[in-house]
Amino acid sequence: MNVGGGNRKGRKRRGPMSEINVVPYIDVTFVLLMIFMITAPLVQTGVDVDLPQADAAAVDLKNEPPVIVSIKKSGEFYIDVGDRQDEPVSEQDLSERVTTIMRKNPKAQIYVRGDHAVEYGKIVLVMAALKNAGAPKVGLMTTPPPDK
């Protein structure tokens, strides 16, 4: 009779298991994928803008006059293109005009000049229209701080 720990017929001693259970990792990865798929469209709804600092150096105009969209305190829009300055323009015409300009010159510099009392919503509306018209970057014009 074999009392010690010998192998009995039909029974084998089990060794350590060397396989990794990957099912929990797959579950976590799936949940993270779903979270990213849901949140990605929400993050991309912002308007990309390069905001200049108030005491920054002057901008190089590259031998071309920039396109300047002005917003008066009353909320009226104006556009300056080359020799034609301060032309009144509606919200709908602004997008069409900038689209035409960007087709002719994709590297045109575009700036927004707004009165300090203009509602924030008006500036966002103009910047969104410029972005939809194909402007890759929009600059905000400021006046330099007074010398002390």
N, C-alpha and C. Protein backbone atom coordinates (compact mmCIF):
# COMPACT_ATOMS: atom_id res chain seq x y z
N MET A 1 0.83 -1.15 0.00
CA MET A 1 0.00 0.00 0.00
C MET A 1 0.89 1.24 0.00
N ASN A 2 0.57 2.12 -0.85
CA ASN A 2 1.38 3.31 -1.00
C ASN A 2 0.76 4.44 -0.19
N VAL A 3 1.35 4.77 0.93
CA VAL A 3 0.80 5.79 1.82
C VAL A 3 1.43 7.15 1.53
N GLY A 4 2.62 7.20 1.06
CA GLY A 4 3.37 8.43 0.84
C GLY A 4 2.70 9.33 -0.20
N GLY A 5 3.27 10.12 -0.86
CA GLY A 5 2.64 11.02 -1.83
C GLY A 5 2.86 10.59 -3.24
N GLY A 6 2.98 9.35 -3.50
CA GLY A 6 3.22 8.88 -4.86
C GLY A 6 2.02 9.10 -5.75
N ASN A 7 2.25 9.06 -7.01
CA ASN A 7 1.16 9.23 -7.96
C ASN A 7 0.27 8.00 -7.94
N ARG A 8 -0.94 8.24 -7.78
CA ARG A 8 -1.90 7.14 -7.88
C ARG A 8 -2.36 7.06 -9.30
N LYS A 9 -2.87 5.98 -9.59
CA LYS A 9 -3.33 5.76 -10.94
C LYS A 9 -4.49 6.70 -11.26
N GLY A 10 -4.41 7.49 -12.31
CA GLY A 10 -5.48 8.38 -12.73
C GLY A 10 -5.42 9.77 -12.09
N ARG A 11 -4.62 9.98 -11.06
CA ARG A 11 -4.52 11.30 -10.42
C ARG A 11 -3.12 11.85 -10.65
N LYS A 12 -3.09 13.13 -11.03
CA LYS A 12 -1.80 13.79 -11.21
C LYS A 12 -1.77 15.00 -10.29
N ARG A 13 -0.62 15.28 -9.80
CA ARG A 13 -0.47 16.46 -8.95
C ARG A 13 -0.49 17.71 -9.83
N ARG A 14 -1.24 18.72 -9.44
CA ARG A 14 -1.36 19.95 -10.24
C ARG A 14 -0.23 20.91 -9.88
N GLY A 15 0.36 21.49 -10.91
CA GLY A 15 1.39 22.49 -10.72
C GLY A 15 0.79 23.88 -10.77
N PRO A 16 1.58 24.89 -10.58
CA PRO A 16 1.04 26.25 -10.65
C PRO A 16 0.54 26.57 -12.06
N MET A 17 -0.55 27.33 -12.11
CA MET A 17 -1.15 27.69 -13.39
C MET A 17 -0.39 28.88 -13.97
N SER A 18 0.05 28.79 -15.18
CA SER A 18 0.87 29.86 -15.77
C SER A 18 0.11 30.67 -16.81
N GLU A 19 -1.18 30.55 -16.89
CA GLU A 19 -1.97 31.31 -17.85
C GLU A 19 -2.58 32.52 -17.14
N ILE A 20 -2.70 33.63 -17.87
CA ILE A 20 -3.29 34.84 -17.32
C ILE A 20 -4.72 34.93 -17.81
N ASN A 21 -5.62 35.22 -16.89
CA ASN A 21 -7.02 35.39 -17.26
C ASN A 21 -7.20 36.81 -17.81
N VAL A 22 -7.44 36.95 -19.10
CA VAL A 22 -7.52 38.27 -19.74
C VAL A 22 -8.93 38.80 -19.85
N VAL A 23 -9.93 38.05 -19.43
CA VAL A 23 -11.32 38.49 -19.54
C VAL A 23 -11.56 39.81 -18.80
N PRO A 24 -11.06 39.99 -17.56
CA PRO A 24 -11.28 41.29 -16.90
C PRO A 24 -10.62 42.46 -17.65
N TYR A 25 -9.46 42.22 -18.26
CA TYR A 25 -8.80 43.28 -19.02
C TYR A 25 -9.60 43.66 -20.26
N ILE A 26 -10.18 42.70 -20.89
CA ILE A 26 -11.02 42.96 -22.06
C ILE A 26 -12.25 43.77 -21.65
N ASP A 27 -12.84 43.43 -20.51
CA ASP A 27 -14.01 44.17 -20.03
C ASP A 27 -13.66 45.63 -19.75
N VAL A 28 -12.55 45.86 -19.06
CA VAL A 28 -12.13 47.23 -18.74
C VAL A 28 -11.83 47.99 -20.02
N THR A 29 -11.15 47.37 -20.95
CA THR A 29 -10.83 48.03 -22.22
C THR A 29 -12.10 48.39 -22.99
N PHE A 30 -13.07 47.53 -22.98
CA PHE A 30 -14.33 47.81 -23.66
C PHE A 30 -15.04 49.00 -23.02
N VAL A 31 -15.07 49.06 -21.69
CA VAL A 31 -15.71 50.19 -21.00
C VAL A 31 -14.98 51.49 -21.32
N LEU A 32 -13.65 51.48 -21.30
CA LEU A 32 -12.89 52.69 -21.63
C LEU A 32 -13.13 53.12 -23.08
N LEU A 33 -13.21 52.16 -23.99
CA LEU A 33 -13.49 52.47 -25.39
C LEU A 33 -14.85 53.15 -25.53
N MET A 34 -15.84 52.64 -24.83
CA MET A 34 -17.17 53.24 -24.90
C MET A 34 -17.16 54.67 -24.33
N ILE A 35 -16.45 54.88 -23.25
CA ILE A 35 -16.37 56.23 -22.66
C ILE A 35 -15.71 57.19 -23.63
N PHE A 36 -14.61 56.79 -24.26
CA PHE A 36 -13.93 57.66 -25.21
C PHE A 36 -14.78 57.93 -26.44
N MET A 37 -15.52 56.94 -26.91
CA MET A 37 -16.37 57.14 -28.08
C MET A 37 -17.50 58.11 -27.79
N ILE A 38 -17.99 58.13 -26.57
CA ILE A 38 -19.08 59.04 -26.21
C ILE A 38 -18.56 60.45 -25.97
N THR A 39 -17.40 60.58 -25.32
CA THR A 39 -16.91 61.92 -24.96
C THR A 39 -16.14 62.61 -26.07
N ALA A 40 -15.59 61.90 -27.04
CA ALA A 40 -14.78 62.54 -28.09
C ALA A 40 -15.56 63.59 -28.88
N PRO A 41 -16.79 63.34 -29.34
CA PRO A 41 -17.50 64.40 -30.07
C PRO A 41 -17.80 65.62 -29.21
N LEU A 42 -17.96 65.44 -27.92
CA LEU A 42 -18.25 66.58 -27.05
C LEU A 42 -17.04 67.47 -26.87
N VAL A 43 -15.86 66.90 -26.88
CA VAL A 43 -14.63 67.67 -26.69
C VAL A 43 -14.29 68.47 -27.94
N GLN A 44 -14.66 68.01 -29.12
CA GLN A 44 -14.27 68.64 -30.37
C GLN A 44 -15.20 69.76 -30.81
N THR A 45 -16.14 70.18 -30.00
CA THR A 45 -17.06 71.22 -30.42
C THR A 45 -16.53 72.63 -30.18
N GLY A 46 -15.39 72.78 -29.58
CA GLY A 46 -14.82 74.10 -29.31
C GLY A 46 -14.25 74.73 -30.56
N VAL A 47 -13.98 76.03 -30.50
CA VAL A 47 -13.39 76.77 -31.61
C VAL A 47 -11.91 76.95 -31.30
N ASP A 48 -11.04 76.51 -32.21
CA ASP A 48 -9.60 76.67 -32.02
C ASP A 48 -9.20 78.10 -32.34
N VAL A 49 -8.56 78.75 -31.39
CA VAL A 49 -8.18 80.15 -31.56
C VAL A 49 -6.80 80.34 -30.95
N ASP A 50 -5.94 81.05 -31.65
CA ASP A 50 -4.66 81.45 -31.09
C ASP A 50 -4.83 82.83 -30.48
N LEU A 51 -4.92 82.89 -29.17
CA LEU A 51 -5.14 84.15 -28.49
C LEU A 51 -3.83 84.89 -28.28
N PRO A 52 -3.73 86.13 -28.75
CA PRO A 52 -2.50 86.89 -28.53
C PRO A 52 -2.47 87.49 -27.12
N GLN A 53 -1.28 87.69 -26.60
CA GLN A 53 -1.15 88.35 -25.31
C GLN A 53 -1.19 89.85 -25.53
N ALA A 54 -1.59 90.56 -24.51
CA ALA A 54 -1.77 92.01 -24.66
C ALA A 54 -0.47 92.74 -24.91
N ASP A 55 0.64 92.27 -24.33
CA ASP A 55 1.90 92.97 -24.54
C ASP A 55 2.81 92.22 -25.51
N ALA A 56 2.24 91.55 -26.50
CA ALA A 56 3.01 90.80 -27.50
C ALA A 56 3.56 91.75 -28.56
N ALA A 57 4.53 91.26 -29.28
CA ALA A 57 5.12 92.05 -30.36
C ALA A 57 4.13 92.18 -31.51
N ALA A 58 4.40 93.14 -32.38
CA ALA A 58 3.53 93.36 -33.54
C ALA A 58 3.58 92.15 -34.47
N VAL A 59 2.49 91.91 -35.18
CA VAL A 59 2.36 90.76 -36.07
C VAL A 59 2.93 91.12 -37.43
N ASP A 60 3.67 90.17 -38.04
CA ASP A 60 4.20 90.35 -39.38
C ASP A 60 3.06 90.14 -40.38
N LEU A 61 2.80 91.13 -41.22
CA LEU A 61 1.68 91.06 -42.17
C LEU A 61 2.02 90.33 -43.46
N LYS A 62 3.25 89.94 -43.68
CA LYS A 62 3.67 89.15 -44.84
C LYS A 62 3.27 89.81 -46.16
N ASN A 63 3.44 91.11 -46.26
CA ASN A 63 3.18 91.88 -47.50
C ASN A 63 1.75 91.80 -47.98
N GLU A 64 0.84 91.35 -47.17
CA GLU A 64 -0.57 91.30 -47.55
C GLU A 64 -1.38 91.92 -46.41
N PRO A 65 -2.37 92.73 -46.75
CA PRO A 65 -3.21 93.27 -45.68
C PRO A 65 -4.08 92.15 -45.10
N PRO A 66 -4.24 92.10 -43.78
CA PRO A 66 -5.06 91.04 -43.18
C PRO A 66 -6.55 91.33 -43.36
N VAL A 67 -7.35 90.32 -43.15
CA VAL A 67 -8.80 90.46 -43.13
C VAL A 67 -9.18 90.77 -41.68
N ILE A 68 -9.86 91.88 -41.47
CA ILE A 68 -10.23 92.28 -40.12
C ILE A 68 -11.75 92.33 -40.03
N VAL A 69 -12.30 91.57 -39.09
CA VAL A 69 -13.73 91.58 -38.82
C VAL A 69 -13.92 92.40 -37.55
N SER A 70 -14.69 93.49 -37.67
CA SER A 70 -14.92 94.37 -36.53
C SER A 70 -16.35 94.20 -36.01
N ILE A 71 -16.48 94.28 -34.70
CA ILE A 71 -17.80 94.20 -34.06
C ILE A 71 -17.96 95.45 -33.21
N LYS A 72 -18.95 96.25 -33.57
CA LYS A 72 -19.21 97.47 -32.80
C LYS A 72 -19.98 97.16 -31.53
N LYS A 73 -20.04 98.12 -30.65
CA LYS A 73 -20.74 97.97 -29.38
C LYS A 73 -22.21 97.61 -29.58
N SER A 74 -22.79 98.12 -30.65
CA SER A 74 -24.20 97.86 -30.94
C SER A 74 -24.42 96.45 -31.53
N GLY A 75 -23.34 95.73 -31.86
CA GLY A 75 -23.47 94.38 -32.40
C GLY A 75 -23.40 94.29 -33.91
N GLU A 76 -23.11 95.39 -34.58
CA GLU A 76 -23.01 95.39 -36.04
C GLU A 76 -21.64 94.87 -36.46
N PHE A 77 -21.62 94.14 -37.60
CA PHE A 77 -20.39 93.56 -38.11
C PHE A 77 -19.87 94.36 -39.29
N TYR A 78 -18.55 94.49 -39.37
CA TYR A 78 -17.87 95.16 -40.47
C TYR A 78 -16.68 94.31 -40.88
N ILE A 79 -16.32 94.39 -42.16
CA ILE A 79 -15.17 93.63 -42.64
C ILE A 79 -14.25 94.54 -43.42
N ASP A 80 -12.94 94.40 -43.17
CA ASP A 80 -11.91 95.15 -43.89
C ASP A 80 -11.13 94.16 -44.74
N VAL A 81 -11.17 94.34 -46.05
CA VAL A 81 -10.42 93.49 -46.97
C VAL A 81 -9.69 94.39 -47.94
N GLY A 82 -8.37 94.43 -47.85
CA GLY A 82 -7.57 95.23 -48.77
C GLY A 82 -7.94 96.70 -48.71
N ASP A 83 -8.32 97.26 -49.88
CA ASP A 83 -8.68 98.69 -49.97
C ASP A 83 -10.08 98.98 -49.43
N ARG A 84 -10.92 97.97 -49.42
CA ARG A 84 -12.30 98.17 -48.95
C ARG A 84 -12.32 98.02 -47.43
N GLN A 85 -12.57 99.12 -46.75
CA GLN A 85 -12.53 99.10 -45.30
C GLN A 85 -13.89 99.45 -44.71
N ASP A 86 -14.16 98.85 -43.56
CA ASP A 86 -15.38 99.09 -42.79
C ASP A 86 -16.64 98.93 -43.62
N GLU A 87 -16.72 97.84 -44.36
CA GLU A 87 -17.94 97.54 -45.10
C GLU A 87 -18.91 96.81 -44.17
N PRO A 88 -20.12 97.32 -44.01
CA PRO A 88 -21.08 96.61 -43.17
C PRO A 88 -21.43 95.25 -43.78
N VAL A 89 -21.57 94.26 -42.95
CA VAL A 89 -21.86 92.91 -43.43
C VAL A 89 -22.76 92.22 -42.41
N SER A 90 -23.67 91.37 -42.91
CA SER A 90 -24.55 90.62 -42.01
C SER A 90 -23.86 89.34 -41.58
N GLU A 91 -24.46 88.63 -40.63
CA GLU A 91 -23.88 87.37 -40.15
C GLU A 91 -23.74 86.35 -41.28
N GLN A 92 -24.77 86.26 -42.14
CA GLN A 92 -24.75 85.29 -43.23
C GLN A 92 -23.70 85.67 -44.28
N ASP A 93 -23.63 86.97 -44.63
CA ASP A 93 -22.67 87.43 -45.64
C ASP A 93 -21.23 87.30 -45.15
N LEU A 94 -21.02 87.40 -43.83
CA LEU A 94 -19.66 87.31 -43.28
C LEU A 94 -19.04 85.96 -43.61
N SER A 95 -19.77 84.90 -43.38
CA SER A 95 -19.27 83.54 -43.65
C SER A 95 -18.97 83.36 -45.13
N GLU A 96 -19.87 83.86 -46.01
CA GLU A 96 -19.68 83.72 -47.45
C GLU A 96 -18.45 84.51 -47.93
N ARG A 97 -18.30 85.71 -47.42
CA ARG A 97 -17.16 86.55 -47.82
C ARG A 97 -15.83 85.92 -47.41
N VAL A 98 -15.78 85.42 -46.17
CA VAL A 98 -14.53 84.82 -45.69
C VAL A 98 -14.25 83.51 -46.43
N THR A 99 -15.28 82.75 -46.77
CA THR A 99 -15.08 81.52 -47.56
C THR A 99 -14.45 81.86 -48.90
N THR A 100 -14.94 82.91 -49.56
CA THR A 100 -14.39 83.34 -50.85
C THR A 100 -12.94 83.78 -50.69
N ILE A 101 -12.65 84.53 -49.63
CA ILE A 101 -11.28 85.00 -49.39
C ILE A 101 -10.35 83.82 -49.15
N MET A 102 -10.79 82.84 -48.37
CA MET A 102 -9.95 81.69 -48.04
C MET A 102 -9.71 80.80 -49.26
N ARG A 103 -10.66 80.77 -50.20
CA ARG A 103 -10.44 80.00 -51.44
C ARG A 103 -9.35 80.65 -52.29
N LYS A 104 -9.38 81.98 -52.36
CA LYS A 104 -8.39 82.70 -53.15
C LYS A 104 -7.02 82.67 -52.50
N ASN A 105 -6.99 82.82 -51.16
CA ASN A 105 -5.73 82.88 -50.43
C ASN A 105 -5.86 82.08 -49.13
N PRO A 106 -5.50 80.79 -49.13
CA PRO A 106 -5.67 79.97 -47.94
C PRO A 106 -4.80 80.40 -46.75
N LYS A 107 -3.77 81.21 -47.01
CA LYS A 107 -2.89 81.65 -45.93
C LYS A 107 -3.23 83.06 -45.45
N ALA A 108 -4.40 83.56 -45.78
CA ALA A 108 -4.79 84.90 -45.36
C ALA A 108 -4.88 84.97 -43.84
N GLN A 109 -4.41 86.07 -43.29
CA GLN A 109 -4.47 86.28 -41.85
C GLN A 109 -5.80 86.94 -41.52
N ILE A 110 -6.48 86.41 -40.50
CA ILE A 110 -7.80 86.92 -40.12
C ILE A 110 -7.76 87.33 -38.66
N TYR A 111 -8.27 88.54 -38.39
CA TYR A 111 -8.29 89.07 -37.02
C TYR A 111 -9.70 89.56 -36.68
N VAL A 112 -10.03 89.45 -35.42
CA VAL A 112 -11.30 89.96 -34.92
C VAL A 112 -10.99 91.15 -34.02
N ARG A 113 -11.65 92.28 -34.32
CA ARG A 113 -11.49 93.49 -33.52
C ARG A 113 -12.85 93.83 -32.96
N GLY A 114 -13.00 93.68 -31.65
CA GLY A 114 -14.28 93.92 -31.02
C GLY A 114 -14.21 94.98 -29.94
N ASP A 115 -15.28 95.71 -29.81
CA ASP A 115 -15.39 96.70 -28.74
C ASP A 115 -15.38 95.96 -27.40
N HIS A 116 -14.81 96.58 -26.38
CA HIS A 116 -14.72 95.89 -25.09
C HIS A 116 -16.09 95.66 -24.44
N ALA A 117 -17.12 96.35 -24.91
CA ALA A 117 -18.46 96.17 -24.35
C ALA A 117 -19.32 95.19 -25.15
N VAL A 118 -18.76 94.55 -26.18
CA VAL A 118 -19.52 93.61 -26.99
C VAL A 118 -19.78 92.35 -26.17
N GLU A 119 -20.97 91.79 -26.34
CA GLU A 119 -21.32 90.56 -25.64
C GLU A 119 -20.41 89.42 -26.11
N TYR A 120 -20.04 88.56 -25.20
CA TYR A 120 -19.18 87.43 -25.50
C TYR A 120 -19.80 86.52 -26.57
N GLY A 121 -21.10 86.38 -26.55
CA GLY A 121 -21.79 85.54 -27.52
C GLY A 121 -21.59 86.01 -28.95
N LYS A 122 -21.53 87.32 -29.17
CA LYS A 122 -21.31 87.86 -30.51
C LYS A 122 -19.92 87.50 -31.02
N ILE A 123 -18.92 87.57 -30.14
CA ILE A 123 -17.55 87.25 -30.55
C ILE A 123 -17.45 85.76 -30.87
N VAL A 124 -18.07 84.93 -30.05
CA VAL A 124 -18.05 83.48 -30.31
C VAL A 124 -18.77 83.18 -31.62
N LEU A 125 -19.85 83.86 -31.90
CA LEU A 125 -20.59 83.67 -33.15
C LEU A 125 -19.71 84.00 -34.35
N VAL A 126 -18.99 85.11 -34.28
CA VAL A 126 -18.10 85.51 -35.38
C VAL A 126 -16.97 84.50 -35.53
N MET A 127 -16.38 84.08 -34.43
CA MET A 127 -15.26 83.15 -34.51
C MET A 127 -15.71 81.79 -35.05
N ALA A 128 -16.89 81.34 -34.69
CA ALA A 128 -17.43 80.09 -35.23
C ALA A 128 -17.69 80.21 -36.73
N ALA A 129 -18.21 81.36 -37.15
CA ALA A 129 -18.46 81.58 -38.59
C ALA A 129 -17.14 81.59 -39.36
N LEU A 130 -16.10 82.20 -38.79
CA LEU A 130 -14.79 82.22 -39.45
C LEU A 130 -14.20 80.81 -39.52
N LYS A 131 -14.35 80.05 -38.47
CA LYS A 131 -13.85 78.66 -38.45
C LYS A 131 -14.58 77.82 -39.49
N ASN A 132 -15.90 77.98 -39.58
CA ASN A 132 -16.69 77.23 -40.57
C ASN A 132 -16.38 77.67 -42.00
N ALA A 133 -15.91 78.90 -42.16
CA ALA A 133 -15.57 79.40 -43.49
C ALA A 133 -14.19 78.92 -43.95
N GLY A 134 -13.45 78.25 -43.06
CA GLY A 134 -12.17 77.69 -43.46
C GLY A 134 -10.96 78.40 -42.92
N ALA A 135 -11.14 79.33 -42.00
CA ALA A 135 -10.00 80.04 -41.41
C ALA A 135 -9.31 79.12 -40.40
N PRO A 136 -8.03 78.75 -40.64
CA PRO A 136 -7.37 77.85 -39.72
C PRO A 136 -7.03 78.50 -38.38
N LYS A 137 -6.73 79.79 -38.41
CA LYS A 137 -6.38 80.52 -37.19
C LYS A 137 -7.07 81.87 -37.21
N VAL A 138 -7.50 82.31 -36.04
CA VAL A 138 -8.13 83.61 -35.90
C VAL A 138 -7.43 84.34 -34.77
N GLY A 139 -6.99 85.56 -35.04
CA GLY A 139 -6.33 86.36 -34.01
C GLY A 139 -7.30 87.40 -33.46
N LEU A 140 -7.09 87.73 -32.19
CA LEU A 140 -7.88 88.79 -31.55
C LEU A 140 -7.02 90.02 -31.43
N MET A 141 -7.52 91.15 -31.92
CA MET A 141 -6.75 92.39 -31.87
C MET A 141 -6.94 93.04 -30.52
N THR A 142 -5.86 93.58 -30.01
CA THR A 142 -5.87 94.30 -28.74
C THR A 142 -5.11 95.60 -28.91
N THR A 143 -5.26 96.48 -27.96
CA THR A 143 -4.45 97.68 -27.94
C THR A 143 -3.35 97.47 -26.89
N PRO A 144 -2.16 98.00 -27.13
CA PRO A 144 -1.10 97.81 -26.14
C PRO A 144 -1.43 98.53 -24.85
N PRO A 145 -0.95 98.01 -23.72
CA PRO A 145 -1.21 98.68 -22.45
C PRO A 145 -0.52 100.03 -22.40
N PRO A 146 -1.06 100.98 -21.66
CA PRO A 146 -0.40 102.30 -21.58
C PRO A 146 0.95 102.19 -20.87
N ASP A 147 1.88 103.02 -21.34
CA ASP A 147 3.21 103.05 -20.71
C ASP A 147 3.12 103.66 -19.33
N LYS A 148 3.86 103.07 -18.42
CA LYS A 148 3.84 103.59 -17.03
C LYS A 148 5.03 104.43 -16.75
